[in-house]
């Protein structure tokens, strides 16, 4: 998946009736998240991503 496709998919999921978030806002938040991860050392960023994926898989299994 291309990065832009990833951003667009996330935008579609977060823009709901209860939470109006534009695609531009979503892309900015994701861009900032990647900047935070890039500032971490490789081990810490990998652990952070891993923990996030574990949490996401729990949500998917509900």
C-alpha atoms as a PDB file:
ATOM      1  CA  UNK A   1       0.000   0.000   0.000  1.00  0.00           C
ATOM      2  CA  UNK A   2       1.315   3.440  -0.886  1.00  0.00           C
ATOM      3  CA  UNK A   3       1.685   5.958   1.941  1.00  0.00           C
ATOM      4  CA  UNK A   4      -0.941   8.258   0.422  1.00  0.00           C
ATOM      5  CA  UNK A   5      -3.382   5.330   0.155  1.00  0.00           C
ATOM      6  CA  UNK A   6      -2.716   4.574   3.819  1.00  0.00           C
ATOM      7  CA  UNK A   7      -3.452   8.192   4.769  1.00  0.00           C
ATOM      8  CA  UNK A   8      -6.666   8.163   2.717  1.00  0.00           C
ATOM      9  CA  UNK A   9      -7.871   4.892   4.251  1.00  0.00           C
ATOM     10  CA  UNK A  10      -7.288   6.223   7.764  1.00  0.00           C
ATOM     11  CA  UNK A  11      -9.119   9.433   6.821  1.00  0.00           C
ATOM     12  CA  UNK A  12     -12.148   7.476   5.637  1.00  0.00           C
ATOM     13  CA  UNK A  13     -12.276   5.535   8.902  1.00  0.00           C
ATOM     14  CA  UNK A  14     -11.969   8.494  11.281  1.00  0.00           C
ATOM     15  CA  UNK A  15     -14.351  10.887   9.534  1.00  0.00           C
ATOM     16  CA  UNK A  16     -17.656   9.802  11.068  1.00  0.00           C
ATOM     17  CA  UNK A  17     -20.930  11.502  11.982  1.00  0.00           C
ATOM     18  CA  UNK A  18     -19.709  11.947  15.564  1.00  0.00           C
ATOM     19  CA  UNK A  19     -16.162  13.002  14.659  1.00  0.00           C
ATOM     20  CA  UNK A  20     -15.715  15.252  11.655  1.00  0.00           C
ATOM     21  CA  UNK A  21     -12.027  15.113  10.739  1.00  0.00           C
ATOM     22  CA  UNK A  22     -10.885  16.181   7.302  1.00  0.00           C
ATOM     23  CA  UNK A  23      -8.441  14.224   5.194  1.00  0.00           C
ATOM     24  CA  UNK A  24      -5.933  17.061   5.521  1.00  0.00           C
ATOM     25  CA  UNK A  25      -6.161  16.989   9.329  1.00  0.00           C
ATOM     26  CA  UNK A  26      -5.761  13.226   9.384  1.00  0.00           C
ATOM     27  CA  UNK A  27      -2.723  13.383   7.108  1.00  0.00           C
ATOM     28  CA  UNK A  28      -1.155  16.063   9.308  1.00  0.00           C
ATOM     29  CA  UNK A  29      -1.661  13.972  12.461  1.00  0.00           C
ATOM     30  CA  UNK A  30      -0.206  10.871  10.801  1.00  0.00           C
ATOM     31  CA  UNK A  31       2.727  12.892   9.485  1.00  0.00           C
ATOM     32  CA  UNK A  32       3.443  14.153  13.001  1.00  0.00           C
ATOM     33  CA  UNK A  33       3.184  10.606  14.365  1.00  0.00           C
ATOM     34  CA  UNK A  34       5.817   9.476  11.849  1.00  0.00           C
ATOM     35  CA  UNK A  35       8.052  12.397  12.859  1.00  0.00           C
ATOM     36  CA  UNK A  36       7.801  11.329  16.512  1.00  0.00           C
ATOM     37  CA  UNK A  37       8.648   7.740  15.555  1.00  0.00           C
ATOM     38  CA  UNK A  38      11.567   8.892  13.399  1.00  0.00           C
ATOM     39  CA  UNK A  39      13.039  10.789  16.346  1.00  0.00           C
ATOM     40  CA  UNK A  40      13.111   7.601  18.440  1.00  0.00           C
ATOM     41  CA  UNK A  41      15.878   5.056  18.203  1.00  0.00           C
ATOM     42  CA  UNK A  42      15.060   1.999  16.106  1.00  0.00           C
ATOM     43  CA  UNK A  43      14.333  -0.280  19.062  1.00  0.00           C
ATOM     44  CA  UNK A  44      11.987   2.164  20.760  1.00  0.00           C
ATOM     45  CA  UNK A  45      10.080   2.953  17.561  1.00  0.00           C
ATOM     46  CA  UNK A  46       9.725  -0.761  16.750  1.00  0.00           C
ATOM     47  CA  UNK A  47       8.434  -1.457  20.271  1.00  0.00           C
ATOM     48  CA  UNK A  48       5.964   1.432  20.015  1.00  0.00           C
ATOM     49  CA  UNK A  49       4.649   0.213  16.669  1.00  0.00           C
ATOM     50  CA  UNK A  50       4.436  -3.337  17.988  1.00  0.00           C
ATOM     51  CA  UNK A  51       2.398  -2.250  21.012  1.00  0.00           C
ATOM     52  CA  UNK A  52       0.080  -0.255  18.754  1.00  0.00           C
ATOM     53  CA  UNK A  53      -0.455  -3.271  16.503  1.00  0.00           C
ATOM     54  CA  UNK A  54      -1.241  -5.508  19.494  1.00  0.00           C
ATOM     55  CA  UNK A  55      -3.874  -3.001  20.631  1.00  0.00           C
ATOM     56  CA  UNK A  56      -5.324  -2.769  17.104  1.00  0.00           C
ATOM     57  CA  UNK A  57      -5.566  -6.555  16.769  1.00  0.00           C
ATOM     58  CA  UNK A  58      -7.509  -6.683  20.035  1.00  0.00           C
ATOM     59  CA  UNK A  59      -9.985  -4.154  18.615  1.00  0.00           C
ATOM     60  CA  UNK A  60     -10.318  -6.168  15.401  1.00  0.00           C
ATOM     61  CA  UNK A  61     -11.166  -9.332  17.299  1.00  0.00           C
ATOM     62  CA  UNK A  62     -14.112  -7.723  19.132  1.00  0.00           C
END
